[in-house]
Amino acid sequence: MDLWERARSFAGEAAKRSQELSLEAAKRSSVLVSETAKKSKEIFSETAIKSREMAAEATKQADLLAGQIMHLASDIPVPSIPPIPAISPLPSAAESEPDAAELERYGITDDLREFVNGMTISTFRDFPLQDEPEMSDVPTVSNVRQDLNEWQARHATLVLSAVKVLFRLTISVSGGLMHVCPWEIGFM
């Protein structure tokens, strides 16, 4: 029996020792958690203070740089912007009509006016362009070709002013709108 007594005594001591170790571990764990929390708060506080200091320093530097830029910029001469050249206005209905001699000189006859006045969108649908014109290197202004000679340009202007229907005539071509101009449909 002595063996059983010794085993029981040994088990009791082992349980007591295990309990003491568990309590000690719990205390140490509690202290460690407490110290970690305290240290985290300190680090956070220091970080917040440092970030405010850094922000204040950055603001000072930015203000200093802005002042230097303003000083340097005041010494730079500002070039003047050249005036934009005036564009001659399109003739309006209020302007005087061209005289008969000028109209005749540029081929604006009563027959031409009658022919152009008879045009409708159907005219262009019934007689489409045979070939698409190739893209040209000729400069354009507002999608109007600028390769007309002086006579052609004046003729076109007179046709447009003499036959007002051309201002309103547009046709649909390839999903877009094309403004019909007399020099593009062979009135010259």
N, C-alpha and C. Protein backbone atom coordinates (compact mmCIF):
# COMPACT_ATOMS: atom_id res chain seq x y z
N MET A 1 0.79 -1.18 0.00
CA MET A 1 0.00 0.00 0.00
C MET A 1 0.84 1.25 0.00
N ASP A 2 1.89 1.04 0.40
CA ASP A 2 2.78 2.16 0.46
C ASP A 2 2.95 2.81 -0.92
N LEU A 3 2.90 2.00 -1.90
CA LEU A 3 3.06 2.51 -3.26
C LEU A 3 1.88 3.40 -3.64
N TRP A 4 0.68 2.94 -3.24
CA TRP A 4 -0.50 3.75 -3.54
C TRP A 4 -0.46 5.07 -2.80
N GLU A 5 -0.05 5.08 -1.63
CA GLU A 5 0.02 6.31 -0.84
C GLU A 5 1.01 7.26 -1.48
N ARG A 6 2.12 6.73 -1.84
CA ARG A 6 3.13 7.59 -2.47
C ARG A 6 2.61 8.16 -3.79
N ALA A 7 1.90 7.36 -4.58
CA ALA A 7 1.38 7.83 -5.87
C ALA A 7 0.33 8.92 -5.65
N ARG A 8 -0.52 8.71 -4.64
CA ARG A 8 -1.54 9.71 -4.34
C ARG A 8 -0.90 11.00 -3.86
N SER A 9 0.07 10.90 -3.03
CA SER A 9 0.77 12.07 -2.52
C SER A 9 1.46 12.81 -3.67
N PHE A 10 2.06 12.01 -4.54
CA PHE A 10 2.75 12.62 -5.67
C PHE A 10 1.75 13.32 -6.59
N ALA A 11 0.58 12.72 -6.85
CA ALA A 11 -0.46 13.31 -7.69
C ALA A 11 -1.00 14.57 -7.05
N GLY A 12 -1.18 14.59 -5.74
CA GLY A 12 -1.66 15.78 -5.04
C GLY A 12 -0.69 16.93 -5.17
N GLU A 13 0.59 16.59 -4.97
CA GLU A 13 1.61 17.64 -5.11
C GLU A 13 1.68 18.16 -6.54
N ALA A 14 1.55 17.25 -7.51
CA ALA A 14 1.60 17.66 -8.93
C ALA A 14 0.42 18.58 -9.25
N ALA A 15 -0.76 18.26 -8.71
CA ALA A 15 -1.95 19.10 -8.96
C ALA A 15 -1.77 20.46 -8.31
N LYS A 16 -1.23 20.46 -7.06
CA LYS A 16 -1.00 21.72 -6.36
C LYS A 16 0.01 22.57 -7.12
N ARG A 17 1.08 21.92 -7.58
CA ARG A 17 2.13 22.64 -8.32
C ARG A 17 1.58 23.18 -9.65
N SER A 18 0.76 22.41 -10.32
CA SER A 18 0.15 22.81 -11.59
C SER A 18 -0.75 24.03 -11.38
N GLN A 19 -1.49 24.03 -10.27
CA GLN A 19 -2.37 25.16 -9.95
C GLN A 19 -1.54 26.41 -9.68
N GLU A 20 -0.44 26.25 -8.94
CA GLU A 20 0.42 27.39 -8.65
C GLU A 20 1.01 27.96 -9.94
N LEU A 21 1.45 27.05 -10.83
CA LEU A 21 2.02 27.50 -12.11
C LEU A 21 0.97 28.23 -12.97
N SER A 22 -0.26 27.73 -12.97
CA SER A 22 -1.33 28.37 -13.74
C SER A 22 -1.61 29.77 -13.21
N LEU A 23 -1.67 29.92 -11.88
CA LEU A 23 -1.90 31.24 -11.29
C LEU A 23 -0.75 32.19 -11.64
N GLU A 24 0.48 31.70 -11.55
CA GLU A 24 1.65 32.52 -11.88
C GLU A 24 1.60 32.94 -13.34
N ALA A 25 1.25 32.03 -14.23
CA ALA A 25 1.16 32.33 -15.66
C ALA A 25 0.08 33.37 -15.93
N ALA A 26 -1.05 33.24 -15.24
CA ALA A 26 -2.14 34.20 -15.41
C ALA A 26 -1.71 35.59 -14.96
N LYS A 27 -1.00 35.66 -13.81
CA LYS A 27 -0.50 36.95 -13.33
C LYS A 27 0.46 37.57 -14.33
N ARG A 28 1.41 36.75 -14.78
CA ARG A 28 2.40 37.27 -15.73
C ARG A 28 1.73 37.71 -17.04
N SER A 29 0.78 36.94 -17.49
CA SER A 29 0.05 37.28 -18.72
C SER A 29 -0.68 38.60 -18.55
N SER A 30 -1.32 38.77 -17.40
CA SER A 30 -2.05 40.01 -17.11
C SER A 30 -1.10 41.20 -17.09
N VAL A 31 0.06 41.01 -16.44
CA VAL A 31 1.05 42.09 -16.39
C VAL A 31 1.55 42.40 -17.80
N LEU A 32 1.81 41.37 -18.60
CA LEU A 32 2.31 41.56 -19.95
C LEU A 32 1.29 42.32 -20.81
N VAL A 33 0.02 41.94 -20.71
CA VAL A 33 -1.04 42.62 -21.47
C VAL A 33 -1.13 44.08 -21.03
N SER A 34 -1.09 44.31 -19.75
CA SER A 34 -1.17 45.66 -19.22
C SER A 34 0.01 46.51 -19.71
N GLU A 35 1.21 45.95 -19.63
CA GLU A 35 2.39 46.68 -20.08
C GLU A 35 2.35 46.94 -21.58
N THR A 36 1.88 45.95 -22.35
CA THR A 36 1.77 46.12 -23.81
C THR A 36 0.78 47.24 -24.15
N ALA A 37 -0.36 47.27 -23.46
CA ALA A 37 -1.35 48.32 -23.69
C ALA A 37 -0.77 49.68 -23.35
N LYS A 38 -0.07 49.74 -22.22
CA LYS A 38 0.55 51.00 -21.79
C LYS A 38 1.58 51.46 -22.83
N LYS A 39 2.41 50.54 -23.31
CA LYS A 39 3.44 50.88 -24.29
C LYS A 39 2.80 51.31 -25.62
N SER A 40 1.73 50.66 -26.03
CA SER A 40 1.02 51.02 -27.27
C SER A 40 0.48 52.44 -27.18
N LYS A 41 -0.10 52.79 -26.01
CA LYS A 41 -0.62 54.14 -25.82
C LYS A 41 0.51 55.16 -25.91
N GLU A 42 1.65 54.85 -25.32
CA GLU A 42 2.80 55.75 -25.37
C GLU A 42 3.27 55.95 -26.81
N ILE A 43 3.39 54.84 -27.54
CA ILE A 43 3.84 54.91 -28.94
C ILE A 43 2.84 55.72 -29.77
N PHE A 44 1.54 55.46 -29.56
CA PHE A 44 0.52 56.20 -30.29
C PHE A 44 0.61 57.69 -29.99
N SER A 45 0.77 58.03 -28.73
CA SER A 45 0.87 59.43 -28.32
C SER A 45 2.09 60.09 -28.95
N GLU A 46 3.23 59.39 -28.89
CA GLU A 46 4.45 59.94 -29.50
C GLU A 46 4.28 60.12 -31.01
N THR A 47 3.65 59.15 -31.66
CA THR A 47 3.42 59.23 -33.10
C THR A 47 2.53 60.42 -33.45
N ALA A 48 1.48 60.62 -32.68
CA ALA A 48 0.57 61.75 -32.92
C ALA A 48 1.31 63.07 -32.76
N ILE A 49 2.12 63.18 -31.72
CA ILE A 49 2.89 64.42 -31.49
C ILE A 49 3.86 64.66 -32.65
N LYS A 50 4.59 63.60 -33.06
CA LYS A 50 5.56 63.72 -34.16
C LYS A 50 4.85 64.09 -35.46
N SER A 51 3.70 63.51 -35.73
CA SER A 51 3.00 63.81 -36.99
C SER A 51 2.52 65.25 -37.01
N ARG A 52 2.06 65.78 -35.86
CA ARG A 52 1.66 67.19 -35.79
C ARG A 52 2.87 68.10 -36.02
N GLU A 53 4.01 67.72 -35.41
CA GLU A 53 5.22 68.51 -35.60
C GLU A 53 5.65 68.50 -37.07
N MET A 54 5.59 67.30 -37.68
CA MET A 54 5.98 67.20 -39.09
C MET A 54 5.04 68.00 -39.98
N ALA A 55 3.74 67.97 -39.70
CA ALA A 55 2.77 68.73 -40.48
C ALA A 55 3.02 70.22 -40.34
N ALA A 56 3.32 70.67 -39.12
CA ALA A 56 3.61 72.09 -38.91
C ALA A 56 4.86 72.50 -39.68
N GLU A 57 5.88 71.67 -39.65
CA GLU A 57 7.12 71.96 -40.37
C GLU A 57 6.88 71.97 -41.88
N ALA A 58 6.11 71.02 -42.38
CA ALA A 58 5.80 70.98 -43.81
C ALA A 58 5.02 72.22 -44.24
N THR A 59 4.09 72.66 -43.40
CA THR A 59 3.32 73.87 -43.71
C THR A 59 4.24 75.09 -43.76
N LYS A 60 5.18 75.18 -42.79
CA LYS A 60 6.14 76.29 -42.80
C LYS A 60 6.95 76.28 -44.09
N GLN A 61 7.44 75.10 -44.46
CA GLN A 61 8.25 74.97 -45.68
C GLN A 61 7.44 75.34 -46.92
N ALA A 62 6.19 74.91 -46.97
CA ALA A 62 5.34 75.22 -48.11
C ALA A 62 5.09 76.72 -48.21
N ASP A 63 4.84 77.36 -47.05
CA ASP A 63 4.64 78.81 -47.05
C ASP A 63 5.89 79.53 -47.50
N LEU A 64 7.05 79.06 -47.04
CA LEU A 64 8.32 79.67 -47.43
C LEU A 64 8.53 79.52 -48.94
N LEU A 65 8.29 78.33 -49.47
CA LEU A 65 8.43 78.10 -50.91
C LEU A 65 7.44 78.94 -51.72
N ALA A 66 6.21 79.06 -51.24
CA ALA A 66 5.21 79.86 -51.94
C ALA A 66 5.65 81.32 -51.99
N GLY A 67 6.19 81.82 -50.90
CA GLY A 67 6.69 83.20 -50.88
C GLY A 67 7.83 83.37 -51.87
N GLN A 68 8.75 82.41 -51.92
CA GLN A 68 9.87 82.50 -52.85
C GLN A 68 9.38 82.44 -54.30
N ILE A 69 8.41 81.59 -54.58
CA ILE A 69 7.86 81.49 -55.94
C ILE A 69 7.20 82.80 -56.33
N MET A 70 6.42 83.36 -55.42
CA MET A 70 5.76 84.64 -55.72
C MET A 70 6.79 85.73 -55.99
N HIS A 71 7.87 85.74 -55.22
CA HIS A 71 8.92 86.74 -55.42
C HIS A 71 9.58 86.54 -56.79
N LEU A 72 9.91 85.29 -57.11
CA LEU A 72 10.54 85.02 -58.39
C LEU A 72 9.59 85.31 -59.55
N ALA A 73 8.32 84.97 -59.38
CA ALA A 73 7.34 85.19 -60.44
C ALA A 73 7.12 86.67 -60.71
N SER A 74 7.28 87.50 -59.69
CA SER A 74 7.07 88.94 -59.91
C SER A 74 8.18 89.53 -60.77
N ASP A 75 9.32 88.85 -60.84
CA ASP A 75 10.43 89.34 -61.66
C ASP A 75 10.35 88.89 -63.11
N ILE A 76 9.48 87.94 -63.42
CA ILE A 76 9.36 87.42 -64.79
C ILE A 76 8.42 88.31 -65.58
N PRO A 77 8.89 88.79 -66.74
CA PRO A 77 8.00 89.63 -67.55
C PRO A 77 6.90 88.79 -68.19
N VAL A 78 5.71 89.33 -68.25
CA VAL A 78 4.57 88.63 -68.85
C VAL A 78 4.46 89.12 -70.30
N PRO A 79 4.55 88.18 -71.26
CA PRO A 79 4.46 88.61 -72.66
C PRO A 79 3.03 89.05 -72.99
N SER A 80 2.95 89.99 -73.90
CA SER A 80 1.61 90.44 -74.30
C SER A 80 1.04 89.46 -75.31
N ILE A 81 -0.23 89.29 -75.27
CA ILE A 81 -0.91 88.37 -76.19
C ILE A 81 -1.27 89.16 -77.44
N PRO A 82 -0.84 88.68 -78.61
CA PRO A 82 -1.16 89.43 -79.83
C PRO A 82 -2.65 89.41 -80.09
N PRO A 83 -3.17 90.47 -80.69
CA PRO A 83 -4.60 90.51 -80.96
C PRO A 83 -4.98 89.46 -82.01
N ILE A 84 -6.18 88.96 -81.90
CA ILE A 84 -6.70 87.99 -82.86
C ILE A 84 -7.20 88.77 -84.07
N PRO A 85 -6.75 88.36 -85.27
CA PRO A 85 -7.19 89.10 -86.45
C PRO A 85 -8.70 88.95 -86.66
N ALA A 86 -9.30 89.99 -87.12
CA ALA A 86 -10.74 89.99 -87.34
C ALA A 86 -11.08 89.14 -88.54
N ILE A 87 -12.17 88.42 -88.45
CA ILE A 87 -12.66 87.60 -89.56
C ILE A 87 -13.80 88.37 -90.20
N SER A 88 -13.72 88.48 -91.50
CA SER A 88 -14.77 89.25 -92.17
C SER A 88 -16.10 88.51 -92.01
N PRO A 89 -17.14 89.25 -91.69
CA PRO A 89 -18.44 88.61 -91.46
C PRO A 89 -19.04 88.11 -92.78
N LEU A 90 -19.90 87.10 -92.64
CA LEU A 90 -20.62 86.61 -93.81
C LEU A 90 -21.63 87.66 -94.24
N PRO A 91 -21.89 87.72 -95.51
CA PRO A 91 -22.88 88.71 -95.96
C PRO A 91 -24.23 88.41 -95.33
N SER A 92 -24.90 89.43 -94.90
CA SER A 92 -26.22 89.24 -94.30
C SER A 92 -27.29 89.75 -95.23
N ALA A 93 -28.50 89.40 -94.91
CA ALA A 93 -29.63 89.83 -95.74
C ALA A 93 -29.79 91.34 -95.72
N ALA A 94 -29.30 91.97 -94.65
CA ALA A 94 -29.44 93.42 -94.52
C ALA A 94 -28.50 94.16 -95.46
N GLU A 95 -27.41 93.52 -95.90
CA GLU A 95 -26.48 94.18 -96.80
C GLU A 95 -27.13 94.36 -98.17
N SER A 96 -26.58 95.27 -98.93
CA SER A 96 -27.17 95.56 -100.24
C SER A 96 -26.96 94.38 -101.18
N GLU A 97 -27.93 94.16 -102.01
CA GLU A 97 -27.87 93.09 -103.01
C GLU A 97 -26.86 93.50 -104.09
N PRO A 98 -26.14 92.50 -104.63
CA PRO A 98 -25.21 92.83 -105.72
C PRO A 98 -25.98 93.32 -106.94
N ASP A 99 -25.34 94.18 -107.72
CA ASP A 99 -26.04 94.72 -108.90
C ASP A 99 -26.07 93.68 -110.01
N ALA A 100 -26.93 93.90 -110.99
CA ALA A 100 -27.17 92.95 -112.07
C ALA A 100 -25.90 92.69 -112.88
N ALA A 101 -25.07 93.71 -113.06
CA ALA A 101 -23.85 93.55 -113.85
C ALA A 101 -22.89 92.57 -113.16
N GLU A 102 -22.77 92.70 -111.84
CA GLU A 102 -21.88 91.80 -111.11
C GLU A 102 -22.42 90.37 -111.15
N LEU A 103 -23.73 90.21 -110.97
CA LEU A 103 -24.32 88.88 -111.03
C LEU A 103 -24.07 88.23 -112.39
N GLU A 104 -24.25 89.01 -113.47
CA GLU A 104 -24.03 88.48 -114.81
C GLU A 104 -22.56 88.15 -115.03
N ARG A 105 -21.67 89.00 -114.56
CA ARG A 105 -20.23 88.78 -114.71
C ARG A 105 -19.82 87.45 -114.05
N TYR A 106 -20.47 87.07 -112.97
CA TYR A 106 -20.14 85.83 -112.27
C TYR A 106 -21.08 84.67 -112.62
N GLY A 107 -21.85 84.81 -113.67
CA GLY A 107 -22.66 83.69 -114.16
C GLY A 107 -23.93 83.42 -113.38
N ILE A 108 -24.42 84.39 -112.60
CA ILE A 108 -25.65 84.20 -111.84
C ILE A 108 -26.80 84.72 -112.70
N THR A 109 -27.36 83.81 -113.48
CA THR A 109 -28.43 84.18 -114.40
C THR A 109 -29.77 83.75 -113.81
N ASP A 110 -30.85 84.20 -114.46
CA ASP A 110 -32.18 83.79 -114.02
C ASP A 110 -32.36 82.28 -114.18
N ASP A 111 -31.79 81.72 -115.25
CA ASP A 111 -31.88 80.26 -115.46
C ASP A 111 -31.18 79.51 -114.33
N LEU A 112 -30.01 79.98 -113.91
CA LEU A 112 -29.28 79.33 -112.82
C LEU A 112 -30.09 79.41 -111.52
N ARG A 113 -30.65 80.59 -111.25
CA ARG A 113 -31.46 80.76 -110.02
C ARG A 113 -32.66 79.81 -110.04
N GLU A 114 -33.33 79.74 -111.17
CA GLU A 114 -34.50 78.87 -111.29
C GLU A 114 -34.10 77.40 -111.08
N PHE A 115 -32.96 77.01 -111.70
CA PHE A 115 -32.48 75.64 -111.56
C PHE A 115 -32.17 75.32 -110.10
N VAL A 116 -31.44 76.21 -109.44
CA VAL A 116 -31.06 75.97 -108.04
C VAL A 116 -32.29 75.99 -107.13
N ASN A 117 -33.22 76.89 -107.37
CA ASN A 117 -34.45 76.93 -106.56
C ASN A 117 -35.26 75.65 -106.69
N GLY A 118 -35.13 74.94 -107.80
CA GLY A 118 -35.86 73.70 -108.00
C GLY A 118 -35.22 72.50 -107.32
N MET A 119 -34.05 72.67 -106.76
CA MET A 119 -33.37 71.54 -106.12
C MET A 119 -34.03 71.18 -104.80
N THR A 120 -34.06 69.88 -104.55
CA THR A 120 -34.56 69.37 -103.27
C THR A 120 -33.58 68.29 -102.81
N ILE A 121 -33.85 67.74 -101.68
CA ILE A 121 -33.01 66.64 -101.20
C ILE A 121 -33.07 65.47 -102.18
N SER A 122 -34.22 65.29 -102.81
CA SER A 122 -34.37 64.21 -103.80
C SER A 122 -33.39 64.38 -104.95
N THR A 123 -33.10 65.62 -105.34
CA THR A 123 -32.13 65.86 -106.42
C THR A 123 -30.81 65.19 -106.10
N PHE A 124 -30.37 65.33 -104.87
CA PHE A 124 -29.07 64.78 -104.49
C PHE A 124 -29.14 63.28 -104.26
N ARG A 125 -30.30 62.79 -103.86
CA ARG A 125 -30.46 61.34 -103.72
C ARG A 125 -30.49 60.67 -105.08
N ASP A 126 -31.15 61.33 -106.06
CA ASP A 126 -31.27 60.76 -107.40
C ASP A 126 -29.96 60.82 -108.18
N PHE A 127 -29.11 61.79 -107.87
CA PHE A 127 -27.85 61.96 -108.59
C PHE A 127 -26.69 62.03 -107.58
N PRO A 128 -26.36 60.92 -106.93
CA PRO A 128 -25.27 60.94 -105.94
C PRO A 128 -23.92 61.11 -106.63
N LEU A 129 -22.94 61.52 -105.85
CA LEU A 129 -21.58 61.63 -106.37
C LEU A 129 -21.12 60.24 -106.78
N GLN A 130 -20.44 60.15 -107.92
CA GLN A 130 -19.99 58.85 -108.41
C GLN A 130 -18.90 58.28 -107.53
N ASP A 131 -17.91 59.07 -107.22
CA ASP A 131 -16.79 58.62 -106.38
C ASP A 131 -16.63 59.58 -105.23
N GLU A 132 -16.27 59.03 -104.09
CA GLU A 132 -15.97 59.88 -102.95
C GLU A 132 -14.69 60.64 -103.25
N PRO A 133 -14.66 61.94 -103.05
CA PRO A 133 -13.41 62.67 -103.27
C PRO A 133 -12.38 62.25 -102.23
N GLU A 134 -11.12 62.16 -102.66
CA GLU A 134 -10.06 61.80 -101.73
C GLU A 134 -9.82 62.95 -100.77
N MET A 135 -9.31 62.60 -99.60
CA MET A 135 -8.98 63.62 -98.61
C MET A 135 -7.87 64.48 -99.19
N SER A 136 -8.01 65.76 -99.06
CA SER A 136 -7.05 66.69 -99.63
C SER A 136 -6.19 67.31 -98.55
N ASP A 137 -5.02 67.76 -98.96
CA ASP A 137 -4.15 68.49 -98.03
C ASP A 137 -4.48 69.96 -98.04
N VAL A 138 -5.51 70.35 -98.79
CA VAL A 138 -5.91 71.75 -98.87
C VAL A 138 -6.50 72.15 -97.52
N PRO A 139 -6.03 73.29 -96.95
CA PRO A 139 -6.56 73.71 -95.65
C PRO A 139 -8.05 74.03 -95.74
N THR A 140 -8.75 73.81 -94.63
CA THR A 140 -10.18 74.10 -94.59
C THR A 140 -10.47 75.02 -93.42
N VAL A 141 -11.55 75.76 -93.53
CA VAL A 141 -12.06 76.58 -92.43
C VAL A 141 -13.53 76.20 -92.31
N SER A 142 -13.93 75.72 -91.18
CA SER A 142 -15.32 75.30 -90.94
C SER A 142 -15.76 74.28 -91.97
N ASN A 143 -14.92 73.31 -92.30
CA ASN A 143 -15.21 72.23 -93.24
C ASN A 143 -15.47 72.73 -94.66
N VAL A 144 -15.03 73.93 -95.02
CA VAL A 144 -15.16 74.47 -96.37
C VAL A 144 -13.77 74.50 -96.98
N ARG A 145 -13.66 73.92 -98.16
CA ARG A 145 -12.36 73.89 -98.82
C ARG A 145 -11.90 75.30 -99.14
N GLN A 146 -10.60 75.51 -99.08
CA GLN A 146 -10.03 76.84 -99.33
C GLN A 146 -9.17 76.84 -100.60
N ASP A 147 -9.51 75.98 -101.56
CA ASP A 147 -8.71 75.92 -102.78
C ASP A 147 -9.41 76.57 -103.97
N LEU A 148 -10.45 77.36 -103.73
CA LEU A 148 -11.14 78.06 -104.81
C LEU A 148 -10.35 79.30 -105.20
N ASN A 149 -10.37 79.60 -106.49
CA ASN A 149 -9.73 80.85 -106.88
C ASN A 149 -10.68 82.00 -106.55
N GLU A 150 -10.25 83.21 -106.77
CA GLU A 150 -11.04 84.38 -106.36
C GLU A 150 -12.39 84.42 -107.09
N TRP A 151 -12.39 84.09 -108.39
CA TRP A 151 -13.63 84.11 -109.16
C TRP A 151 -14.60 83.06 -108.63
N GLN A 152 -14.10 81.84 -108.39
CA GLN A 152 -14.96 80.76 -107.89
C GLN A 152 -15.55 81.11 -106.52
N ALA A 153 -14.74 81.70 -105.67
CA ALA A 153 -15.22 82.07 -104.33
C ALA A 153 -16.31 83.13 -104.43
N ARG A 154 -16.11 84.14 -105.28
CA ARG A 154 -17.13 85.20 -105.43
C ARG A 154 -18.39 84.63 -106.04
N HIS A 155 -18.25 83.74 -107.05
CA HIS A 155 -19.40 83.10 -107.70
C HIS A 155 -20.22 82.34 -106.65
N ALA A 156 -19.52 81.55 -105.83
CA ALA A 156 -20.21 80.76 -104.81
C ALA A 156 -20.93 81.67 -103.82
N THR A 157 -20.26 82.73 -103.40
CA THR A 157 -20.88 83.67 -102.45
C THR A 157 -22.13 84.31 -103.06
N LEU A 158 -22.05 84.69 -104.32
CA LEU A 158 -23.20 85.32 -104.97
C LEU A 158 -24.36 84.32 -105.13
N VAL A 159 -24.04 83.07 -105.47
CA VAL A 159 -25.10 82.07 -105.59
C VAL A 159 -25.79 81.88 -104.24
N LEU A 160 -24.99 81.80 -103.20
CA LEU A 160 -25.56 81.61 -101.87
C LEU A 160 -26.42 82.79 -101.45
N SER A 161 -26.01 84.00 -101.82
CA SER A 161 -26.81 85.17 -101.42
C SER A 161 -28.02 85.36 -102.33
N ALA A 162 -27.91 84.92 -103.58
CA ALA A 162 -29.02 85.11 -104.52
C ALA A 162 -30.08 84.03 -104.37
N VAL A 163 -29.69 82.83 -103.98
CA VAL A 163 -30.64 81.72 -103.87
C VAL A 163 -30.63 81.25 -102.41
N LYS A 164 -31.52 81.78 -101.62
CA LYS A 164 -31.54 81.54 -100.17
C LYS A 164 -31.84 80.09 -99.81
N VAL A 165 -32.45 79.32 -100.70
CA VAL A 165 -32.80 77.94 -100.40
C VAL A 165 -31.54 77.11 -100.10
N LEU A 166 -30.40 77.47 -100.64
CA LEU A 166 -29.17 76.72 -100.41
C LEU A 166 -28.72 76.79 -98.96
N PHE A 167 -29.07 77.86 -98.27
CA PHE A 167 -28.70 77.96 -96.87
C PHE A 167 -29.39 76.89 -96.03
N ARG A 168 -30.57 76.47 -96.44
CA ARG A 168 -31.35 75.52 -95.66
C ARG A 168 -31.20 74.08 -96.15
N LEU A 169 -30.63 73.90 -97.33
CA LEU A 169 -30.59 72.57 -97.94
C LEU A 169 -29.42 71.76 -97.40
N THR A 170 -29.75 70.69 -96.68
CA THR A 170 -28.74 69.75 -96.20
C THR A 170 -29.23 68.36 -96.52
N ILE A 171 -28.29 67.48 -96.78
CA ILE A 171 -28.68 66.10 -97.05
C ILE A 171 -27.87 65.17 -96.19
N SER A 172 -28.39 63.99 -95.98
CA SER A 172 -27.71 63.00 -95.17
C SER A 172 -26.79 62.18 -96.06
N VAL A 173 -25.51 62.15 -95.68
CA VAL A 173 -24.53 61.39 -96.43
C VAL A 173 -23.72 60.56 -95.46
N SER A 174 -23.69 59.29 -95.65
CA SER A 174 -22.91 58.36 -94.81
C SER A 174 -23.17 58.56 -93.33
N GLY A 175 -24.40 58.75 -92.96
CA GLY A 175 -24.74 58.88 -91.55
C GLY A 175 -24.51 60.26 -90.97
N GLY A 176 -23.97 61.19 -91.75
CA GLY A 176 -23.73 62.55 -91.25
C GLY A 176 -24.45 63.55 -92.11
N LEU A 177 -24.29 64.81 -91.81
CA LEU A 177 -24.91 65.86 -92.62
C LEU A 177 -23.85 66.51 -93.48
N MET A 178 -24.20 66.79 -94.74
CA MET A 178 -23.29 67.49 -95.63
C MET A 178 -24.02 68.73 -96.10
N HIS A 179 -23.40 69.88 -95.97
CA HIS A 179 -24.00 71.11 -96.46
C HIS A 179 -23.69 71.21 -97.95
N VAL A 180 -24.71 71.45 -98.75
CA VAL A 180 -24.54 71.50 -100.19
C VAL A 180 -24.04 72.87 -100.58
N CYS A 181 -22.95 72.93 -101.30
CA CYS A 181 -22.39 74.18 -101.76
C CYS A 181 -22.41 74.18 -103.28
N PRO A 182 -22.71 75.32 -103.92
CA PRO A 182 -22.87 75.34 -105.39
C PRO A 182 -21.59 74.95 -106.13
N TRP A 183 -20.42 75.27 -105.58
CA TRP A 183 -19.20 74.92 -106.29
C TRP A 183 -18.90 73.44 -106.24
N GLU A 184 -19.59 72.71 -105.38
CA GLU A 184 -19.40 71.27 -105.30
C GLU A 184 -20.37 70.52 -106.21
N ILE A 185 -21.36 71.22 -106.78
CA ILE A 185 -22.33 70.52 -107.63
C ILE A 185 -22.28 71.05 -109.07
N GLY A 186 -21.20 71.72 -109.46
CA GLY A 186 -20.94 72.04 -110.87
C GLY A 186 -21.64 73.25 -111.43
N PHE A 187 -21.77 74.33 -110.68
CA PHE A 187 -22.41 75.54 -111.23
C PHE A 187 -21.42 76.49 -111.87
N MET A 188 -20.16 76.14 -111.99
CA MET A 188 -19.17 77.08 -112.50
C MET A 188 -18.88 76.85 -113.96
